[in-house]
N, C-alpha and C. Protein backbone atom coordinates (compact mmCIF):
# COMPACT_ATOMS: atom_id res chain seq x y z
N MET A 1 2.78 44.89 -12.69
CA MET A 1 1.68 45.20 -13.60
C MET A 1 0.50 45.77 -12.83
N ALA A 2 0.17 45.20 -11.67
CA ALA A 2 -0.94 45.71 -10.87
C ALA A 2 -0.67 47.11 -10.35
N SER A 3 0.61 47.42 -10.11
CA SER A 3 0.97 48.74 -9.59
C SER A 3 1.21 49.76 -10.69
N GLY A 4 1.12 49.34 -11.94
CA GLY A 4 1.32 50.26 -13.03
C GLY A 4 2.77 50.54 -13.35
N ILE A 5 3.73 49.75 -12.76
CA ILE A 5 5.15 49.97 -13.03
C ILE A 5 5.50 49.55 -14.44
N VAL A 6 4.94 48.44 -14.89
CA VAL A 6 5.13 47.97 -16.26
C VAL A 6 3.78 47.57 -16.81
N ALA A 7 3.69 47.64 -18.14
CA ALA A 7 2.43 47.26 -18.78
C ALA A 7 2.31 45.75 -18.87
N GLN A 8 3.47 45.09 -19.10
CA GLN A 8 3.46 43.64 -19.22
C GLN A 8 4.86 43.12 -18.93
N ILE A 9 4.96 41.98 -18.29
CA ILE A 9 6.26 41.40 -17.97
C ILE A 9 6.10 39.90 -17.77
N SER A 10 7.07 39.15 -18.20
CA SER A 10 7.01 37.69 -18.04
C SER A 10 7.77 37.28 -16.79
N GLY A 11 7.43 36.11 -16.32
CA GLY A 11 8.14 35.58 -15.14
C GLY A 11 9.61 35.35 -15.42
N THR A 12 9.93 34.93 -16.65
CA THR A 12 11.33 34.71 -17.01
C THR A 12 12.14 36.00 -16.93
N THR A 13 11.56 37.09 -17.42
CA THR A 13 12.26 38.38 -17.36
C THR A 13 12.48 38.80 -15.92
N LEU A 14 11.47 38.60 -15.09
CA LEU A 14 11.61 38.98 -13.69
C LEU A 14 12.70 38.20 -13.00
N TRP A 15 12.75 36.90 -13.25
CA TRP A 15 13.80 36.07 -12.67
C TRP A 15 15.17 36.50 -13.15
N ARG A 16 15.27 36.89 -14.45
CA ARG A 16 16.55 37.31 -14.99
C ARG A 16 17.04 38.59 -14.32
N TRP A 17 16.10 39.53 -14.07
CA TRP A 17 16.48 40.77 -13.40
C TRP A 17 16.98 40.48 -11.98
N LEU A 18 16.28 39.64 -11.28
CA LEU A 18 16.69 39.31 -9.91
C LEU A 18 18.06 38.65 -9.90
N SER A 19 18.30 37.75 -10.86
CA SER A 19 19.60 37.07 -10.93
C SER A 19 20.72 38.04 -11.25
N GLN A 20 20.48 38.97 -12.16
CA GLN A 20 21.51 39.93 -12.54
C GLN A 20 21.88 40.84 -11.37
N ASP A 21 20.90 41.17 -10.53
CA ASP A 21 21.17 42.04 -9.39
C ASP A 21 21.60 41.26 -8.15
N ALA A 22 21.75 39.94 -8.29
CA ALA A 22 22.17 39.08 -7.17
C ALA A 22 21.24 39.21 -5.97
N LEU A 23 19.97 39.40 -6.23
CA LEU A 23 18.99 39.53 -5.15
C LEU A 23 18.36 38.17 -4.87
N ARG A 24 18.30 37.83 -3.60
CA ARG A 24 17.66 36.58 -3.18
C ARG A 24 16.72 36.90 -2.01
N PRO A 25 15.62 37.59 -2.27
CA PRO A 25 14.75 37.99 -1.15
C PRO A 25 14.13 36.82 -0.41
N TRP A 26 14.12 35.64 -1.05
CA TRP A 26 13.54 34.47 -0.37
C TRP A 26 14.57 33.77 0.52
N HIS A 27 15.82 34.21 0.46
CA HIS A 27 16.85 33.66 1.33
C HIS A 27 17.00 34.55 2.56
N HIS A 28 17.15 33.95 3.66
CA HIS A 28 17.39 34.70 4.89
C HIS A 28 18.18 33.84 5.84
N ARG A 29 18.72 34.44 6.83
CA ARG A 29 19.42 33.71 7.88
C ARG A 29 18.98 34.26 9.23
N SER A 30 19.04 33.43 10.21
CA SER A 30 18.61 33.85 11.55
C SER A 30 19.54 33.28 12.59
N TRP A 31 19.58 33.91 13.73
CA TRP A 31 20.38 33.42 14.83
C TRP A 31 19.73 33.86 16.14
N ILE A 32 20.11 33.19 17.21
CA ILE A 32 19.56 33.48 18.52
C ILE A 32 20.70 33.88 19.43
N PHE A 33 20.58 35.04 20.05
CA PHE A 33 21.60 35.47 20.98
C PHE A 33 21.52 34.63 22.26
N PRO A 34 22.66 34.26 22.84
CA PRO A 34 22.64 33.46 24.07
C PRO A 34 21.86 34.17 25.18
N ARG A 35 20.96 33.45 25.80
CA ARG A 35 20.18 34.03 26.91
C ARG A 35 20.51 33.39 28.24
N ASP A 36 21.34 32.35 28.21
CA ASP A 36 21.75 31.68 29.43
C ASP A 36 22.91 32.46 30.07
N PRO A 37 22.76 32.96 31.28
CA PRO A 37 23.86 33.70 31.91
C PRO A 37 25.10 32.85 32.14
N GLN A 38 24.94 31.52 32.12
CA GLN A 38 26.08 30.61 32.30
C GLN A 38 26.53 30.02 30.96
N PHE A 39 26.19 30.69 29.87
CA PHE A 39 26.49 30.15 28.55
C PHE A 39 27.99 29.88 28.38
N ALA A 40 28.82 30.87 28.73
CA ALA A 40 30.27 30.72 28.53
C ALA A 40 30.82 29.56 29.35
N ARG A 41 30.34 29.39 30.58
CA ARG A 41 30.83 28.30 31.43
C ARG A 41 30.41 26.94 30.87
N LYS A 42 29.15 26.82 30.47
CA LYS A 42 28.65 25.55 29.96
C LYS A 42 29.30 25.18 28.63
N ALA A 43 29.42 26.17 27.75
CA ALA A 43 30.05 25.91 26.46
C ALA A 43 31.53 25.64 26.62
N GLY A 44 32.17 26.36 27.55
CA GLY A 44 33.60 26.21 27.75
C GLY A 44 34.01 24.83 28.19
N ARG A 45 33.22 24.20 29.03
CA ARG A 45 33.62 22.87 29.51
C ARG A 45 33.52 21.84 28.40
N ILE A 46 32.61 22.05 27.44
CA ILE A 46 32.54 21.15 26.29
C ILE A 46 33.75 21.35 25.39
N LEU A 47 34.12 22.61 25.17
CA LEU A 47 35.30 22.88 24.36
C LEU A 47 36.55 22.32 25.04
N ASP A 48 36.58 22.35 26.37
CA ASP A 48 37.70 21.74 27.10
C ASP A 48 37.76 20.23 26.86
N LEU A 49 36.58 19.60 26.86
CA LEU A 49 36.55 18.15 26.63
C LEU A 49 37.08 17.80 25.25
N TYR A 50 36.81 18.64 24.26
CA TYR A 50 37.34 18.39 22.93
C TYR A 50 38.86 18.50 22.90
N LEU A 51 39.41 19.24 23.88
CA LEU A 51 40.86 19.31 24.04
C LEU A 51 41.36 18.31 25.07
N ARG A 52 40.44 17.41 25.50
CA ARG A 52 40.74 16.35 26.48
C ARG A 52 41.18 16.92 27.81
N ARG A 53 40.37 17.87 28.31
CA ARG A 53 40.58 18.42 29.64
C ARG A 53 39.23 18.50 30.34
N TRP A 54 39.23 18.30 31.69
CA TRP A 54 38.00 18.37 32.48
C TRP A 54 38.34 18.97 33.83
N LYS A 55 37.70 20.08 34.15
CA LYS A 55 37.92 20.78 35.42
C LYS A 55 39.39 21.09 35.62
N GLY A 56 40.06 21.53 34.56
CA GLY A 56 41.45 21.96 34.65
C GLY A 56 42.48 20.87 34.58
N ALA A 57 42.06 19.62 34.52
CA ALA A 57 43.01 18.50 34.49
C ALA A 57 42.87 17.74 33.18
N ALA A 58 43.97 17.17 32.73
CA ALA A 58 43.97 16.41 31.49
C ALA A 58 43.23 15.08 31.70
N LEU A 59 42.51 14.63 30.68
CA LEU A 59 41.85 13.33 30.74
C LEU A 59 42.89 12.22 30.64
N GLY A 60 42.59 11.10 31.27
CA GLY A 60 43.49 9.96 31.23
C GLY A 60 43.25 9.10 30.00
N PRO A 61 44.09 8.12 29.78
CA PRO A 61 43.95 7.25 28.60
C PRO A 61 42.68 6.41 28.61
N SER A 62 42.08 6.22 29.78
CA SER A 62 40.85 5.43 29.84
C SER A 62 39.61 6.31 30.03
N ASP A 63 39.74 7.61 29.75
CA ASP A 63 38.60 8.52 29.73
C ASP A 63 38.17 8.73 28.28
N TYR A 64 36.87 8.70 28.03
CA TYR A 64 36.35 8.83 26.67
C TYR A 64 35.33 9.96 26.59
N VAL A 65 35.30 10.64 25.46
CA VAL A 65 34.34 11.72 25.22
C VAL A 65 33.47 11.31 24.03
N LEU A 66 32.17 11.24 24.24
CA LEU A 66 31.23 10.85 23.20
C LEU A 66 30.21 11.97 22.98
N CYS A 67 29.88 12.23 21.73
CA CYS A 67 28.82 13.17 21.40
C CYS A 67 27.58 12.38 21.03
N THR A 68 26.45 12.75 21.59
CA THR A 68 25.25 11.94 21.40
C THR A 68 24.03 12.82 21.23
N ASP A 69 23.06 12.32 20.51
CA ASP A 69 21.77 12.98 20.34
C ASP A 69 20.85 12.01 19.63
N GLU A 70 19.58 12.38 19.51
CA GLU A 70 18.61 11.56 18.80
C GLU A 70 18.37 12.19 17.43
N LYS A 71 18.58 11.43 16.35
CA LYS A 71 18.30 11.93 15.01
C LYS A 71 16.83 11.68 14.74
N THR A 72 16.02 12.73 14.87
CA THR A 72 14.57 12.58 14.71
C THR A 72 14.17 12.75 13.25
N SER A 73 12.89 12.60 13.00
CA SER A 73 12.29 12.80 11.67
C SER A 73 12.90 11.89 10.62
N ILE A 74 13.19 10.66 10.98
CA ILE A 74 13.63 9.66 10.01
C ILE A 74 12.52 8.63 9.90
N GLN A 75 11.65 8.81 8.94
CA GLN A 75 10.56 7.87 8.73
C GLN A 75 10.50 7.50 7.25
N ALA A 76 10.09 6.26 6.99
CA ALA A 76 9.81 5.88 5.61
C ALA A 76 8.56 6.63 5.16
N ARG A 77 8.55 7.08 3.95
CA ARG A 77 7.41 7.87 3.49
C ARG A 77 6.13 7.04 3.43
N ARG A 78 6.25 5.78 3.01
CA ARG A 78 5.08 4.92 2.97
C ARG A 78 5.04 4.11 4.25
N ARG A 79 4.74 4.80 5.34
CA ARG A 79 4.81 4.18 6.65
C ARG A 79 3.68 3.16 6.84
N MET A 80 4.01 2.00 7.38
CA MET A 80 3.03 0.94 7.59
C MET A 80 2.73 0.73 9.07
N HIS A 81 3.55 1.28 9.97
CA HIS A 81 3.38 1.06 11.40
C HIS A 81 3.38 2.40 12.11
N ARG A 82 2.78 2.44 13.26
CA ARG A 82 2.77 3.67 14.04
C ARG A 82 4.17 4.00 14.54
N SER A 83 4.42 5.27 14.79
CA SER A 83 5.73 5.71 15.26
C SER A 83 5.99 5.18 16.67
N LEU A 84 7.24 4.86 16.94
CA LEU A 84 7.64 4.36 18.25
C LEU A 84 8.65 5.31 18.86
N PRO A 85 8.72 5.39 20.19
CA PRO A 85 9.72 6.25 20.81
C PRO A 85 11.13 5.74 20.54
N PRO A 86 12.14 6.61 20.66
CA PRO A 86 13.51 6.17 20.40
C PRO A 86 13.93 5.06 21.34
N ALA A 87 14.69 4.12 20.83
CA ALA A 87 15.21 3.03 21.67
C ALA A 87 16.37 3.53 22.51
N PRO A 88 16.66 2.86 23.64
CA PRO A 88 17.77 3.29 24.48
C PRO A 88 19.07 3.35 23.70
N LEU A 89 19.79 4.47 23.82
CA LEU A 89 21.06 4.65 23.10
C LEU A 89 22.26 4.36 23.98
N VAL A 90 22.20 4.79 25.24
CA VAL A 90 23.36 4.69 26.11
C VAL A 90 23.74 3.23 26.35
N ALA A 91 22.74 2.37 26.52
CA ALA A 91 23.03 0.96 26.79
C ALA A 91 23.81 0.32 25.65
N GLN A 92 23.52 0.72 24.42
CA GLN A 92 24.24 0.16 23.27
C GLN A 92 25.73 0.48 23.34
N VAL A 93 26.05 1.60 23.95
CA VAL A 93 27.45 2.02 24.07
C VAL A 93 28.10 1.41 25.31
N MET A 94 27.42 1.54 26.45
CA MET A 94 28.04 1.18 27.72
C MET A 94 28.14 -0.31 27.95
N ASN A 95 27.44 -1.11 27.18
CA ASN A 95 27.53 -2.56 27.34
C ASN A 95 28.64 -3.18 26.50
N GLN A 96 29.46 -2.34 25.86
CA GLN A 96 30.57 -2.86 25.07
C GLN A 96 31.85 -2.14 25.45
N GLU A 97 32.95 -2.77 25.15
CA GLU A 97 34.26 -2.18 25.39
C GLU A 97 34.61 -1.20 24.26
N PRO A 98 35.42 -0.18 24.58
CA PRO A 98 36.16 0.04 25.82
C PRO A 98 35.38 0.80 26.88
N TYR A 99 34.12 1.15 26.59
CA TYR A 99 33.38 2.04 27.48
C TYR A 99 32.93 1.34 28.76
N ARG A 100 32.64 0.05 28.68
CA ARG A 100 32.14 -0.65 29.86
C ARG A 100 33.14 -0.62 31.01
N SER A 101 34.43 -0.71 30.70
CA SER A 101 35.46 -0.71 31.76
C SER A 101 36.23 0.60 31.83
N ALA A 102 35.74 1.66 31.15
CA ALA A 102 36.45 2.94 31.16
C ALA A 102 36.36 3.60 32.52
N SER A 103 37.33 4.45 32.83
CA SER A 103 37.28 5.21 34.07
C SER A 103 36.11 6.18 34.05
N ARG A 104 36.01 6.95 32.96
CA ARG A 104 34.91 7.88 32.79
C ARG A 104 34.53 7.95 31.32
N VAL A 105 33.23 8.09 31.08
CA VAL A 105 32.73 8.29 29.72
C VAL A 105 31.87 9.56 29.74
N PHE A 106 32.33 10.59 29.06
CA PHE A 106 31.61 11.86 29.02
C PHE A 106 30.66 11.85 27.83
N PHE A 107 29.36 11.94 28.11
CA PHE A 107 28.35 12.01 27.07
C PHE A 107 27.94 13.47 26.90
N ILE A 108 28.25 14.04 25.74
CA ILE A 108 27.83 15.41 25.44
C ILE A 108 26.47 15.34 24.76
N ALA A 109 25.50 16.06 25.31
CA ALA A 109 24.13 15.99 24.80
C ALA A 109 23.48 17.36 24.89
N ASP A 110 22.45 17.57 24.06
CA ASP A 110 21.72 18.83 24.13
C ASP A 110 20.65 18.72 25.22
N ASN A 111 19.68 19.62 25.21
CA ASN A 111 18.65 19.65 26.25
C ASN A 111 17.33 19.04 25.78
N GLY A 112 17.42 18.00 24.96
CA GLY A 112 16.22 17.30 24.54
C GLY A 112 15.45 16.74 25.72
N SER A 113 14.14 16.60 25.54
CA SER A 113 13.27 16.23 26.67
C SER A 113 13.62 14.88 27.27
N SER A 114 14.24 13.99 26.49
CA SER A 114 14.52 12.64 27.00
C SER A 114 15.79 12.57 27.84
N HIS A 115 16.60 13.63 27.84
CA HIS A 115 17.85 13.55 28.59
C HIS A 115 18.28 14.89 29.18
N ARG A 116 17.34 15.77 29.44
CA ARG A 116 17.71 17.07 29.99
C ARG A 116 17.74 17.04 31.52
N GLY A 117 18.50 17.95 32.10
CA GLY A 117 18.45 18.19 33.53
C GLY A 117 19.24 17.23 34.39
N ARG A 118 19.24 17.53 35.69
CA ARG A 118 20.00 16.73 36.64
C ARG A 118 19.41 15.35 36.85
N ARG A 119 18.10 15.23 36.69
CA ARG A 119 17.48 13.91 36.89
C ARG A 119 17.99 12.92 35.86
N ALA A 120 18.16 13.38 34.63
CA ALA A 120 18.69 12.49 33.58
C ALA A 120 20.12 12.08 33.91
N ALA A 121 20.92 13.05 34.38
CA ALA A 121 22.30 12.74 34.74
C ALA A 121 22.36 11.74 35.89
N ALA A 122 21.50 11.94 36.88
CA ALA A 122 21.47 11.02 38.03
C ALA A 122 20.99 9.63 37.61
N ARG A 123 20.02 9.59 36.70
CA ARG A 123 19.50 8.30 36.24
C ARG A 123 20.57 7.50 35.51
N LEU A 124 21.36 8.17 34.69
CA LEU A 124 22.44 7.48 33.99
C LEU A 124 23.52 7.03 34.96
N ARG A 125 23.85 7.90 35.90
CA ARG A 125 24.92 7.58 36.86
C ARG A 125 24.52 6.41 37.76
N ALA A 126 23.22 6.29 38.04
CA ALA A 126 22.77 5.18 38.88
C ALA A 126 22.98 3.84 38.19
N THR A 127 22.86 3.83 36.88
CA THR A 127 23.05 2.58 36.11
C THR A 127 24.50 2.37 35.72
N TRP A 128 25.16 3.46 35.30
CA TRP A 128 26.56 3.40 34.90
C TRP A 128 27.33 4.47 35.66
N PRO A 129 27.96 4.13 36.79
CA PRO A 129 28.63 5.12 37.63
C PRO A 129 29.75 5.88 36.93
N ASN A 130 30.27 5.35 35.84
CA ASN A 130 31.37 6.03 35.15
C ASN A 130 30.89 6.99 34.06
N VAL A 131 29.57 7.18 33.93
CA VAL A 131 29.03 8.09 32.92
C VAL A 131 28.92 9.50 33.50
N VAL A 132 29.41 10.48 32.74
CA VAL A 132 29.27 11.90 33.10
C VAL A 132 28.49 12.57 31.97
N LEU A 133 27.27 13.01 32.26
CA LEU A 133 26.43 13.65 31.25
C LEU A 133 26.71 15.15 31.25
N VAL A 134 27.10 15.68 30.10
CA VAL A 134 27.45 17.10 29.97
C VAL A 134 26.49 17.73 28.96
N HIS A 135 25.66 18.67 29.41
CA HIS A 135 24.68 19.30 28.54
C HIS A 135 25.26 20.53 27.85
N THR A 136 24.88 20.73 26.59
CA THR A 136 25.21 21.98 25.91
C THR A 136 24.29 23.08 26.45
N PRO A 137 24.68 24.33 26.29
CA PRO A 137 23.73 25.41 26.64
C PRO A 137 22.49 25.32 25.75
N ILE A 138 21.42 25.96 26.18
CA ILE A 138 20.19 25.99 25.39
C ILE A 138 20.47 26.69 24.05
N HIS A 139 19.90 26.16 22.99
CA HIS A 139 20.08 26.69 21.63
C HIS A 139 21.54 26.67 21.21
N ALA A 140 22.29 25.69 21.64
CA ALA A 140 23.70 25.59 21.25
C ALA A 140 24.06 24.16 20.89
N SER A 141 23.16 23.48 20.21
CA SER A 141 23.47 22.10 19.81
C SER A 141 24.60 22.06 18.80
N TRP A 142 24.95 23.23 18.21
CA TRP A 142 26.08 23.27 17.27
C TRP A 142 27.39 22.94 17.95
N LEU A 143 27.42 22.98 19.29
CA LEU A 143 28.62 22.59 20.02
C LEU A 143 28.80 21.07 20.06
N ASN A 144 27.76 20.34 19.71
CA ASN A 144 27.79 18.89 19.79
C ASN A 144 28.22 18.32 18.44
N GLN A 145 29.35 17.63 18.40
CA GLN A 145 29.89 17.16 17.14
C GLN A 145 29.02 16.10 16.46
N ILE A 146 28.07 15.52 17.20
CA ILE A 146 27.18 14.55 16.56
C ILE A 146 26.36 15.20 15.46
N GLU A 147 26.14 16.53 15.59
CA GLU A 147 25.38 17.24 14.58
C GLU A 147 26.11 17.23 13.23
N VAL A 148 27.45 17.19 13.27
CA VAL A 148 28.22 17.12 12.03
C VAL A 148 27.92 15.81 11.30
N TYR A 149 27.88 14.72 12.07
CA TYR A 149 27.57 13.42 11.47
C TYR A 149 26.13 13.38 10.98
N PHE A 150 25.20 13.94 11.77
CA PHE A 150 23.81 13.95 11.34
C PHE A 150 23.64 14.68 10.01
N SER A 151 24.38 15.77 9.81
CA SER A 151 24.27 16.52 8.56
C SER A 151 24.77 15.67 7.39
N ILE A 152 25.78 14.84 7.63
CA ILE A 152 26.28 13.94 6.59
C ILE A 152 25.23 12.90 6.23
N VAL A 153 24.62 12.30 7.25
CA VAL A 153 23.57 11.31 7.01
C VAL A 153 22.41 11.94 6.25
N GLN A 154 22.05 13.16 6.63
CA GLN A 154 20.93 13.84 5.98
C GLN A 154 21.22 14.07 4.50
N ARG A 155 22.43 14.53 4.19
CA ARG A 155 22.78 14.85 2.80
C ARG A 155 22.99 13.58 1.96
N LYS A 156 23.69 12.61 2.53
CA LYS A 156 24.10 11.45 1.75
C LYS A 156 23.03 10.36 1.64
N LEU A 157 22.15 10.27 2.63
CA LEU A 157 21.20 9.15 2.65
C LEU A 157 19.74 9.59 2.66
N LEU A 158 19.42 10.61 3.41
CA LEU A 158 18.02 10.94 3.67
C LEU A 158 17.46 12.03 2.77
N THR A 159 18.23 12.51 1.81
CA THR A 159 17.76 13.51 0.86
C THR A 159 17.91 12.97 -0.56
N PRO A 160 16.83 12.62 -1.24
CA PRO A 160 15.46 12.64 -0.73
C PRO A 160 15.17 11.41 0.12
N SER A 161 14.23 11.54 1.02
CA SER A 161 13.87 10.42 1.89
C SER A 161 12.79 9.60 1.20
N ASP A 162 13.20 8.62 0.43
CA ASP A 162 12.26 7.83 -0.37
C ASP A 162 12.48 6.35 -0.07
N PHE A 163 11.75 5.84 0.91
CA PHE A 163 11.86 4.44 1.32
C PHE A 163 10.46 3.84 1.37
N ASP A 164 10.31 2.64 0.83
CA ASP A 164 8.99 1.99 0.80
C ASP A 164 8.57 1.48 2.17
N HIS A 165 9.55 1.02 2.95
CA HIS A 165 9.23 0.41 4.24
C HIS A 165 10.24 0.85 5.29
N LEU A 166 9.82 0.74 6.53
CA LEU A 166 10.75 1.06 7.63
C LEU A 166 11.94 0.12 7.62
N SER A 167 11.71 -1.12 7.23
CA SER A 167 12.83 -2.08 7.18
C SER A 167 13.86 -1.65 6.15
N ALA A 168 13.41 -1.08 5.02
CA ALA A 168 14.35 -0.59 4.00
C ALA A 168 15.13 0.61 4.53
N LEU A 169 14.46 1.47 5.26
CA LEU A 169 15.13 2.61 5.86
C LEU A 169 16.18 2.15 6.88
N LYS A 170 15.83 1.17 7.69
CA LYS A 170 16.77 0.64 8.68
C LYS A 170 17.99 0.03 8.01
N ARG A 171 17.76 -0.75 6.95
CA ARG A 171 18.88 -1.36 6.24
C ARG A 171 19.78 -0.30 5.63
N GLY A 172 19.17 0.76 5.10
CA GLY A 172 19.95 1.84 4.51
C GLY A 172 20.81 2.55 5.53
N LEU A 173 20.24 2.83 6.69
CA LEU A 173 21.00 3.51 7.74
C LEU A 173 22.17 2.67 8.24
N ILE A 174 21.92 1.38 8.47
CA ILE A 174 22.98 0.50 8.96
C ILE A 174 24.07 0.33 7.90
N ALA A 175 23.67 0.16 6.63
CA ALA A 175 24.65 0.00 5.56
C ALA A 175 25.50 1.26 5.40
N PHE A 176 24.85 2.42 5.51
CA PHE A 176 25.60 3.67 5.39
C PHE A 176 26.59 3.82 6.54
N GLN A 177 26.16 3.46 7.74
CA GLN A 177 27.05 3.57 8.90
C GLN A 177 28.26 2.66 8.75
N ARG A 178 28.06 1.44 8.28
CA ARG A 178 29.18 0.51 8.10
C ARG A 178 30.16 1.03 7.06
N ARG A 179 29.63 1.56 5.97
CA ARG A 179 30.51 2.11 4.94
C ARG A 179 31.25 3.34 5.46
N TYR A 180 30.53 4.18 6.19
CA TYR A 180 31.15 5.40 6.72
C TYR A 180 32.25 5.07 7.72
N GLN A 181 32.05 4.02 8.50
CA GLN A 181 33.06 3.60 9.46
C GLN A 181 34.39 3.27 8.78
N ARG A 182 34.32 2.72 7.55
CA ARG A 182 35.53 2.33 6.84
C ARG A 182 36.24 3.51 6.19
N SER A 183 35.51 4.55 5.83
CA SER A 183 36.11 5.65 5.06
C SER A 183 36.27 6.94 5.85
N ALA A 184 35.62 7.05 6.99
CA ALA A 184 35.59 8.34 7.71
C ALA A 184 36.93 8.66 8.36
N LYS A 185 37.16 9.97 8.51
CA LYS A 185 38.31 10.47 9.24
C LYS A 185 37.81 11.31 10.41
N PRO A 186 38.59 11.41 11.48
CA PRO A 186 38.13 12.19 12.65
C PRO A 186 37.84 13.64 12.26
N PHE A 187 36.79 14.21 12.83
CA PHE A 187 36.50 15.62 12.63
C PHE A 187 37.60 16.46 13.28
N LYS A 188 38.00 17.49 12.61
CA LYS A 188 39.02 18.39 13.15
C LYS A 188 38.31 19.59 13.76
N TRP A 189 38.09 19.55 15.05
CA TRP A 189 37.38 20.62 15.75
C TRP A 189 38.38 21.73 16.09
N THR A 190 38.10 22.96 15.64
CA THR A 190 39.06 24.05 15.82
C THR A 190 38.51 25.19 16.68
N PHE A 191 37.23 25.13 17.05
CA PHE A 191 36.62 26.21 17.84
C PHE A 191 37.00 26.02 19.30
N THR A 192 37.70 27.00 19.89
CA THR A 192 38.22 26.89 21.25
C THR A 192 37.55 27.90 22.18
N ARG A 193 37.96 27.87 23.44
CA ARG A 193 37.47 28.86 24.41
C ARG A 193 37.78 30.29 23.96
N ARG A 194 38.95 30.48 23.37
CA ARG A 194 39.30 31.82 22.88
C ARG A 194 38.33 32.29 21.79
N ASP A 195 38.02 31.39 20.87
CA ASP A 195 37.05 31.73 19.83
C ASP A 195 35.68 32.03 20.43
N LEU A 196 35.30 31.27 21.46
CA LEU A 196 34.03 31.50 22.13
C LEU A 196 34.00 32.88 22.76
N HIS A 197 35.10 33.25 23.42
CA HIS A 197 35.17 34.57 24.05
C HIS A 197 35.02 35.68 23.01
N VAL A 198 35.72 35.55 21.90
CA VAL A 198 35.64 36.56 20.83
C VAL A 198 34.21 36.66 20.31
N LEU A 199 33.56 35.51 20.14
CA LEU A 199 32.19 35.50 19.63
C LEU A 199 31.23 36.18 20.60
N LEU A 200 31.35 35.88 21.89
CA LEU A 200 30.45 36.47 22.88
C LEU A 200 30.66 37.97 22.99
N VAL A 201 31.90 38.42 22.91
CA VAL A 201 32.18 39.86 22.93
C VAL A 201 31.55 40.54 21.72
N LYS A 202 31.65 39.89 20.57
CA LYS A 202 31.07 40.45 19.35
C LYS A 202 29.56 40.54 19.46
N LEU A 203 28.92 39.49 19.99
CA LEU A 203 27.47 39.51 20.14
C LEU A 203 27.03 40.58 21.14
N LYS A 204 27.81 40.72 22.21
CA LYS A 204 27.47 41.71 23.22
C LYS A 204 27.56 43.12 22.66
N SER A 205 28.47 43.34 21.73
CA SER A 205 28.64 44.67 21.16
C SER A 205 27.45 45.11 20.33
N HIS A 206 26.62 44.14 19.90
CA HIS A 206 25.42 44.50 19.14
C HIS A 206 24.36 45.13 20.04
N ASN A 207 24.51 44.92 21.33
CA ASN A 207 23.60 45.54 22.30
C ASN A 207 22.14 45.21 22.00
N VAL A 208 21.88 43.91 21.81
CA VAL A 208 20.53 43.44 21.53
C VAL A 208 20.06 42.64 22.73
N ALA A 209 18.78 42.71 23.03
CA ALA A 209 18.22 41.96 24.15
C ALA A 209 18.59 40.49 24.03
N PRO A 210 19.00 39.84 25.15
CA PRO A 210 19.49 38.46 25.08
C PRO A 210 18.51 37.47 24.48
N HIS A 211 17.22 37.71 24.64
CA HIS A 211 16.23 36.74 24.18
C HIS A 211 15.76 37.01 22.76
N LYS A 212 16.21 38.11 22.17
CA LYS A 212 15.66 38.51 20.87
C LYS A 212 16.24 37.68 19.75
N LYS A 213 15.37 37.21 18.92
CA LYS A 213 15.81 36.45 17.75
C LYS A 213 15.90 37.40 16.57
N ILE A 214 17.05 37.43 15.92
CA ILE A 214 17.30 38.37 14.83
C ILE A 214 17.12 37.66 13.50
N ARG A 215 16.50 38.31 12.58
CA ARG A 215 16.35 37.76 11.24
C ARG A 215 16.72 38.86 10.25
N SER A 216 17.57 38.53 9.31
CA SER A 216 18.00 39.52 8.34
C SER A 216 17.91 38.93 6.94
N ARG A 217 17.75 39.81 5.98
CA ARG A 217 17.74 39.38 4.59
C ARG A 217 19.15 39.07 4.12
N ASN A 218 19.27 38.06 3.32
CA ASN A 218 20.55 37.70 2.73
C ASN A 218 20.48 38.02 1.26
N THR A 219 21.17 39.06 0.83
CA THR A 219 21.13 39.48 -0.56
C THR A 219 22.39 39.11 -1.30
N SER A 220 23.20 38.21 -0.72
CA SER A 220 24.43 37.79 -1.39
C SER A 220 24.09 36.81 -2.49
N PRO A 221 24.97 36.68 -3.49
CA PRO A 221 24.71 35.75 -4.58
C PRO A 221 24.61 34.34 -4.09
């Protein structure tokens, strides 16, 4: 109307036109091209672990692979206490069987500030000599299967996040975990080193600067 295209139009009519043309200008998708020159090597060793291999050799029956991360932004809306830092996660795992007496326990983790770098790996190894910390490449937390579980928790429990107290939120999380333990089935991970190679070749063919973040409109229905 301001541009003189139409004399008058309702919001309902405008929405109907957009729907008929399958236009969703408010929808978009974005991705980040790998900028780590060692991306393929770092990602490949994680994919090998999912196939129960490490440095070219098969894992033994007492070797375990765990995916780990911190699920942040879980707060009761009517918060009564100040936020606290995350509690130790590794100790909860390593102080129980079968991990306490395992030959090796591979912890797959992203590059979060609380567990990034060689110092974090050395700190864990000093306390638990059988722990091997394996980091995902930067901006590749999708390689960590814990993200699959986090998405389930987000959809099934935390959307909408409506809890009166932190204690209610804690009870909800623990109750959901116990129920999920009884009904869950193992994730079927199908992305392999071959798939990774195909993906990297495809990205390279776009000939875009490694650090450039691409954003495109999604006009699909």
